[in-house]
């Protein structure tokens, strides 16, 4: 809402964040970030201090 950008995770070697395809915040307070990684076929979980936004589910039909 403030327009400020924050770096939530860094991986210069590409071992945890390997060709990410999507991210989502989850957990009761939306403070867990999950990233899907096509490069290594795994999900990565990050505990972040920033509260994320919930997923948007559009109405279809």
PDB file of N, CA and C in Angstrom:
ATOM      1  N   UNK A   1       0.796  -1.222   0.000  1.00  0.00           N
ATOM      2  CA  UNK A   1       0.000   0.000   0.000  1.00  0.00           C
ATOM      3  C   UNK A   1       0.833   1.278   0.000  1.00  0.00           C
ATOM      4  N   UNK A   2       2.058   1.236   0.544  1.00  0.00           N
ATOM      5  CA  UNK A   2       2.877   2.444   0.587  1.00  0.00           C
ATOM      6  C   UNK A   2       3.671   2.653  -0.689  1.00  0.00           C
ATOM      7  N   UNK A   3       3.784   1.639  -1.528  1.00  0.00           N
ATOM      8  CA  UNK A   3       4.572   1.729  -2.741  1.00  0.00           C
ATOM      9  C   UNK A   3       6.041   1.422  -2.535  1.00  0.00           C
ATOM     10  N   UNK A   4       6.438   1.105  -1.315  1.00  0.00           N
ATOM     11  CA  UNK A   4       7.830   0.790  -0.998  1.00  0.00           C
ATOM     12  C   UNK A   4       8.126  -0.669  -1.343  1.00  0.00           C
ATOM     13  N   UNK A   5       9.281  -0.920  -1.959  1.00  0.00           N
ATOM     14  CA  UNK A   5       9.693  -2.282  -2.288  1.00  0.00           C
ATOM     15  C   UNK A   5      10.689  -2.783  -1.260  1.00  0.00           C
ATOM     16  N   UNK A   6      10.570  -4.040  -0.873  1.00  0.00           N
ATOM     17  CA  UNK A   6      11.484  -4.673   0.066  1.00  0.00           C
ATOM     18  C   UNK A   6      12.060  -5.936  -0.560  1.00  0.00           C
ATOM     19  N   UNK A   7      13.337  -6.191  -0.345  1.00  0.00           N
ATOM     20  CA  UNK A   7      13.956  -7.454  -0.744  1.00  0.00           C
ATOM     21  C   UNK A   7      13.671  -8.453   0.369  1.00  0.00           C
ATOM     22  N   UNK A   8      12.960  -9.518   0.050  1.00  0.00           N
ATOM     23  CA  UNK A   8      12.576 -10.511   1.051  1.00  0.00           C
ATOM     24  C   UNK A   8      13.515 -11.706   1.079  1.00  0.00           C
ATOM     25  N   UNK A   9      14.205 -11.967  -0.011  1.00  0.00           N
ATOM     26  CA  UNK A   9      15.126 -13.108  -0.067  1.00  0.00           C
ATOM     27  C   UNK A   9      16.167 -12.852  -1.145  1.00  0.00           C
ATOM     28  N   UNK A  10      17.385 -13.309  -0.893  1.00  0.00           N
ATOM     29  CA  UNK A  10      18.462 -13.217  -1.874  1.00  0.00           C
ATOM     30  C   UNK A  10      19.137 -14.579  -1.987  1.00  0.00           C
ATOM     31  N   UNK A  11      19.520 -14.936  -3.188  1.00  0.00           N
ATOM     32  CA  UNK A  11      20.217 -16.200  -3.417  1.00  0.00           C
ATOM     33  C   UNK A  11      21.124 -16.017  -4.626  1.00  0.00           C
ATOM     34  N   UNK A  12      22.326 -15.521  -4.407  1.00  0.00           N
ATOM     35  CA  UNK A  12      23.243 -15.199  -5.498  1.00  0.00           C
ATOM     36  C   UNK A  12      23.717 -16.434  -6.253  1.00  0.00           C
ATOM     37  N   UNK A  13      23.737 -17.600  -5.612  1.00  0.00           N
ATOM     38  CA  UNK A  13      24.181 -18.829  -6.278  1.00  0.00           C
ATOM     39  C   UNK A  13      23.044 -19.582  -6.956  1.00  0.00           C
ATOM     40  N   UNK A  14      21.802 -19.211  -6.695  1.00  0.00           N
ATOM     41  CA  UNK A  14      20.660 -19.865  -7.322  1.00  0.00           C
ATOM     42  C   UNK A  14      20.390 -21.264  -6.817  1.00  0.00           C
ATOM     43  N   UNK A  15      20.702 -21.536  -5.552  1.00  0.00           N
ATOM     44  CA  UNK A  15      20.467 -22.875  -5.014  1.00  0.00           C
ATOM     45  C   UNK A  15      19.090 -23.016  -4.377  1.00  0.00           C
ATOM     46  N   UNK A  16      18.592 -21.977  -3.743  1.00  0.00           N
ATOM     47  CA  UNK A  16      17.255 -22.035  -3.147  1.00  0.00           C
ATOM     48  C   UNK A  16      16.213 -21.395  -4.054  1.00  0.00           C
ATOM     49  N   UNK A  17      16.570 -20.279  -4.648  1.00  0.00           N
ATOM     50  CA  UNK A  17      15.673 -19.604  -5.588  1.00  0.00           C
ATOM     51  C   UNK A  17      16.207 -19.936  -6.979  1.00  0.00           C
ATOM     52  N   UNK A  18      15.736 -21.034  -7.552  1.00  0.00           N
ATOM     53  CA  UNK A  18      16.245 -21.524  -8.833  1.00  0.00           C
ATOM     54  C   UNK A  18      15.157 -21.412  -9.888  1.00  0.00           C
ATOM     55  N   UNK A  19      15.197 -20.355 -10.687  1.00  0.00           N
ATOM     56  CA  UNK A  19      14.196 -20.087 -11.722  1.00  0.00           C
ATOM     57  C   UNK A  19      12.792 -20.065 -11.121  1.00  0.00           C
ATOM     58  N   UNK A  20      12.515 -19.124 -10.210  1.00  0.00           N
ATOM     59  CA  UNK A  20      11.198 -19.079  -9.573  1.00  0.00           C
ATOM     60  C   UNK A  20      10.094 -18.798 -10.589  1.00  0.00           C
ATOM     61  N   UNK A  21       8.973 -19.465 -10.408  1.00  0.00           N
ATOM     62  CA  UNK A  21       7.848 -19.295 -11.319  1.00  0.00           C
ATOM     63  C   UNK A  21       6.669 -18.589 -10.674  1.00  0.00           C
ATOM     64  N   UNK A  22       6.555 -18.660  -9.350  1.00  0.00           N
ATOM     65  CA  UNK A  22       5.420 -18.043  -8.669  1.00  0.00           C
ATOM     66  C   UNK A  22       5.745 -17.939  -7.186  1.00  0.00           C
ATOM     67  N   UNK A  23       5.120 -16.984  -6.511  1.00  0.00           N
ATOM     68  CA  UNK A  23       5.260 -16.869  -5.063  1.00  0.00           C
ATOM     69  C   UNK A  23       3.886 -16.671  -4.452  1.00  0.00           C
ATOM     70  N   UNK A  24       3.761 -17.009  -3.183  1.00  0.00           N
ATOM     71  CA  UNK A  24       2.519 -16.777  -2.441  1.00  0.00           C
ATOM     72  C   UNK A  24       2.868 -16.630  -0.969  1.00  0.00           C
ATOM     73  N   UNK A  25       2.123 -15.789  -0.285  1.00  0.00           N
ATOM     74  CA  UNK A  25       2.247 -15.666   1.160  1.00  0.00           C
ATOM     75  C   UNK A  25       1.214 -16.573   1.798  1.00  0.00           C
ATOM     76  N   UNK A  26       1.591 -17.256   2.874  1.00  0.00           N
ATOM     77  CA  UNK A  26       0.659 -18.147   3.553  1.00  0.00           C
ATOM     78  C   UNK A  26       0.883 -18.071   5.052  1.00  0.00           C
ATOM     79  N   UNK A  27       0.125 -18.860   5.784  1.00  0.00           N
ATOM     80  CA  UNK A  27       0.196 -18.842   7.242  1.00  0.00           C
ATOM     81  C   UNK A  27      -0.864 -17.924   7.816  1.00  0.00           C
ATOM     82  N   UNK A  28      -1.113 -18.028   9.112  1.00  0.00           N
ATOM     83  CA  UNK A  28      -2.186 -17.248   9.733  1.00  0.00           C
ATOM     84  C   UNK A  28      -1.966 -15.737   9.647  1.00  0.00           C
ATOM     85  N   UNK A  29      -0.718 -15.292   9.627  1.00  0.00           N
ATOM     86  CA  UNK A  29      -0.424 -13.855   9.561  1.00  0.00           C
ATOM     87  C   UNK A  29       0.172 -13.446   8.212  1.00  0.00           C
ATOM     88  N   UNK A  30       0.152 -14.353   7.232  1.00  0.00           N
ATOM     89  CA  UNK A  30       0.724 -14.118   5.906  1.00  0.00           C
ATOM     90  C   UNK A  30       2.181 -13.672   5.978  1.00  0.00           C
ATOM     91  N   UNK A  31       2.950 -14.268   6.899  1.00  0.00           N
ATOM     92  CA  UNK A  31       4.363 -13.936   7.060  1.00  0.00           C
ATOM     93  C   UNK A  31       5.278 -15.076   6.612  1.00  0.00           C
ATOM     94  N   UNK A  32       4.725 -16.034   5.880  1.00  0.00           N
ATOM     95  CA  UNK A  32       5.514 -17.112   5.293  1.00  0.00           C
ATOM     96  C   UNK A  32       5.412 -16.979   3.780  1.00  0.00           C
ATOM     97  N   UNK A  33       6.554 -16.894   3.125  1.00  0.00           N
ATOM     98  CA  UNK A  33       6.604 -16.760   1.677  1.00  0.00           C
ATOM     99  C   UNK A  33       6.995 -18.111   1.088  1.00  0.00           C
ATOM    100  N   UNK A  34       6.231 -18.579   0.117  1.00  0.00           N
ATOM    101  CA  UNK A  34       6.512 -19.832  -0.582  1.00  0.00           C
ATOM    102  C   UNK A  34       6.834 -19.489  -2.034  1.00  0.00           C
ATOM    103  N   UNK A  35       7.934 -20.041  -2.548  1.00  0.00           N
ATOM    104  CA  UNK A  35       8.246 -19.838  -3.963  1.00  0.00           C
ATOM    105  C   UNK A  35       8.360 -21.189  -4.657  1.00  0.00           C
ATOM    106  N   UNK A  36       7.780 -21.269  -5.838  1.00  0.00           N
ATOM    107  CA  UNK A  36       7.910 -22.459  -6.681  1.00  0.00           C
ATOM    108  C   UNK A  36       9.126 -22.255  -7.574  1.00  0.00           C
ATOM    109  N   UNK A  37       9.964 -23.284  -7.684  1.00  0.00           N
ATOM    110  CA  UNK A  37      11.223 -23.169  -8.413  1.00  0.00           C
ATOM    111  C   UNK A  37      11.304 -24.212  -9.514  1.00  0.00           C
ATOM    112  N   UNK A  38      11.230 -23.768 -10.741  1.00  0.00           N
ATOM    113  CA  UNK A  38      11.287 -24.677 -11.876  1.00  0.00           C
ATOM    114  C   UNK A  38      12.695 -25.230 -12.088  1.00  0.00           C
ATOM    115  N   UNK A  39      13.714 -24.451 -11.739  1.00  0.00           N
ATOM    116  CA  UNK A  39      15.100 -24.855 -11.979  1.00  0.00           C
ATOM    117  C   UNK A  39      15.533 -26.070 -11.185  1.00  0.00           C
ATOM    118  N   UNK A  40      14.963 -26.281 -10.008  1.00  0.00           N
ATOM    119  CA  UNK A  40      15.371 -27.431  -9.200  1.00  0.00           C
ATOM    120  C   UNK A  40      14.165 -28.255  -8.734  1.00  0.00           C
ATOM    121  N   UNK A  41      12.997 -27.968  -9.216  1.00  0.00           N
ATOM    122  CA  UNK A  41      11.789 -28.740  -8.947  1.00  0.00           C
ATOM    123  C   UNK A  41      11.460 -28.830  -7.461  1.00  0.00           C
ATOM    124  N   UNK A  42      11.442 -27.716  -6.778  1.00  0.00           N
ATOM    125  CA  UNK A  42      11.108 -27.737  -5.354  1.00  0.00           C
ATOM    126  C   UNK A  42      10.393 -26.453  -4.957  1.00  0.00           C
ATOM    127  N   UNK A  43       9.799 -26.475  -3.779  1.00  0.00           N
ATOM    128  CA  UNK A  43       9.220 -25.284  -3.160  1.00  0.00           C
ATOM    129  C   UNK A  43      10.168 -24.826  -2.065  1.00  0.00           C
ATOM    130  N   UNK A  44      10.283 -23.517  -1.898  1.00  0.00           N
ATOM    131  CA  UNK A  44      11.121 -22.966  -0.842  1.00  0.00           C
ATOM    132  C   UNK A  44      10.249 -22.129   0.076  1.00  0.00           C
ATOM    133  N   UNK A  45      10.439 -22.304   1.386  1.00  0.00           N
ATOM    134  CA  UNK A  45       9.665 -21.551   2.377  1.00  0.00           C
ATOM    135  C   UNK A  45      10.600 -20.568   3.074  1.00  0.00           C
ATOM    136  N   UNK A  46      10.136 -19.324   3.180  1.00  0.00           N
ATOM    137  CA  UNK A  46      10.893 -18.270   3.847  1.00  0.00           C
ATOM    138  C   UNK A  46      10.018 -17.673   4.943  1.00  0.00           C
ATOM    139  N   UNK A  47      10.562 -17.510   6.123  1.00  0.00           N
ATOM    140  CA  UNK A  47       9.870 -16.776   7.179  1.00  0.00           C
ATOM    141  C   UNK A  47      10.314 -15.326   7.066  1.00  0.00           C
ATOM    142  N   UNK A  48       9.399 -14.466   6.687  1.00  0.00           N
ATOM    143  CA  UNK A  48       9.732 -13.058   6.472  1.00  0.00           C
ATOM    144  C   UNK A  48       9.088 -12.208   7.556  1.00  0.00           C
ATOM    145  N   UNK A  49       9.641 -11.030   7.783  1.00  0.00           N
ATOM    146  CA  UNK A  49       9.113 -10.143   8.813  1.00  0.00           C
ATOM    147  C   UNK A  49       8.021  -9.229   8.279  1.00  0.00           C
ATOM    148  N   UNK A  50       7.855  -9.212   6.964  1.00  0.00           N
ATOM    149  CA  UNK A  50       6.834  -8.369   6.354  1.00  0.00           C
ATOM    150  C   UNK A  50       5.571  -9.180   6.121  1.00  0.00           C
ATOM    151  N   UNK A  51       4.438  -8.582   6.361  1.00  0.00           N
ATOM    152  CA  UNK A  51       3.163  -9.251   6.100  1.00  0.00           C
ATOM    153  C   UNK A  51       2.835  -9.104   4.621  1.00  0.00           C
ATOM    154  N   UNK A  52       2.554 -10.230   3.977  1.00  0.00           N
ATOM    155  CA  UNK A  52       2.227 -10.210   2.560  1.00  0.00           C
ATOM    156  C   UNK A  52       0.740 -10.024   2.325  1.00  0.00           C
ATOM    157  N   UNK A  53       0.365 -10.047   1.069  1.00  0.00           N
ATOM    158  CA  UNK A  53      -1.040  -9.927   0.691  1.00  0.00           C
ATOM    159  C   UNK A  53      -1.560 -11.309   0.314  1.00  0.00           C
ATOM    160  N   UNK A  54      -2.825 -11.541   0.577  1.00  0.00           N
ATOM    161  CA  UNK A  54      -3.422 -12.834   0.236  1.00  0.00           C
ATOM    162  C   UNK A  54      -3.614 -12.936  -1.278  1.00  0.00           C
ATOM    163  N   UNK A  55      -3.782 -14.163  -1.750  1.00  0.00           N
ATOM    164  CA  UNK A  55      -4.001 -14.387  -3.174  1.00  0.00           C
ATOM    165  C   UNK A  55      -5.345 -13.824  -3.606  1.00  0.00           C
ATOM    166  N   UNK A  56      -5.405 -13.370  -4.842  1.00  0.00           N
ATOM    167  CA  UNK A  56      -6.638 -12.840  -5.419  1.00  0.00           C
ATOM    168  C   UNK A  56      -7.301 -13.943  -6.236  1.00  0.00           C
ATOM    169  N   UNK A  57      -8.520 -14.236  -5.929  1.00  0.00           N
ATOM    170  CA  UNK A  57      -9.278 -15.240  -6.662  1.00  0.00           C
ATOM    171  C   UNK A  57     -10.383 -14.541  -7.440  1.00  0.00           C
ATOM    172  N   UNK A  58     -10.207 -14.347  -8.753  1.00  0.00           N
ATOM    173  CA  UNK A  58     -11.231 -13.644  -9.528  1.00  0.00           C
ATOM    174  C   UNK A  58     -12.493 -14.483  -9.679  1.00  0.00           C
ATOM    175  N   UNK A  59     -13.604 -13.806  -9.798  1.00  0.00           N
ATOM    176  CA  UNK A  59     -14.876 -14.493 -10.056  1.00  0.00           C
ATOM    177  C   UNK A  59     -14.993 -14.739 -11.548  1.00  0.00           C
ATOM    178  N   UNK A  60     -15.271 -15.977 -11.900  1.00  0.00           N
ATOM    179  CA  UNK A  60     -15.396 -16.354 -13.302  1.00  0.00           C
ATOM    180  C   UNK A  60     -16.821 -16.824 -13.546  1.00  0.00           C
ATOM    181  N   UNK A  61     -17.412 -16.283 -14.599  1.00  0.00           N
ATOM    182  CA  UNK A  61     -18.748 -16.727 -14.967  1.00  0.00           C
ATOM    183  C   UNK A  61     -19.865 -15.914 -14.484  1.00  0.00           C
TER     184      UNK A  61
END
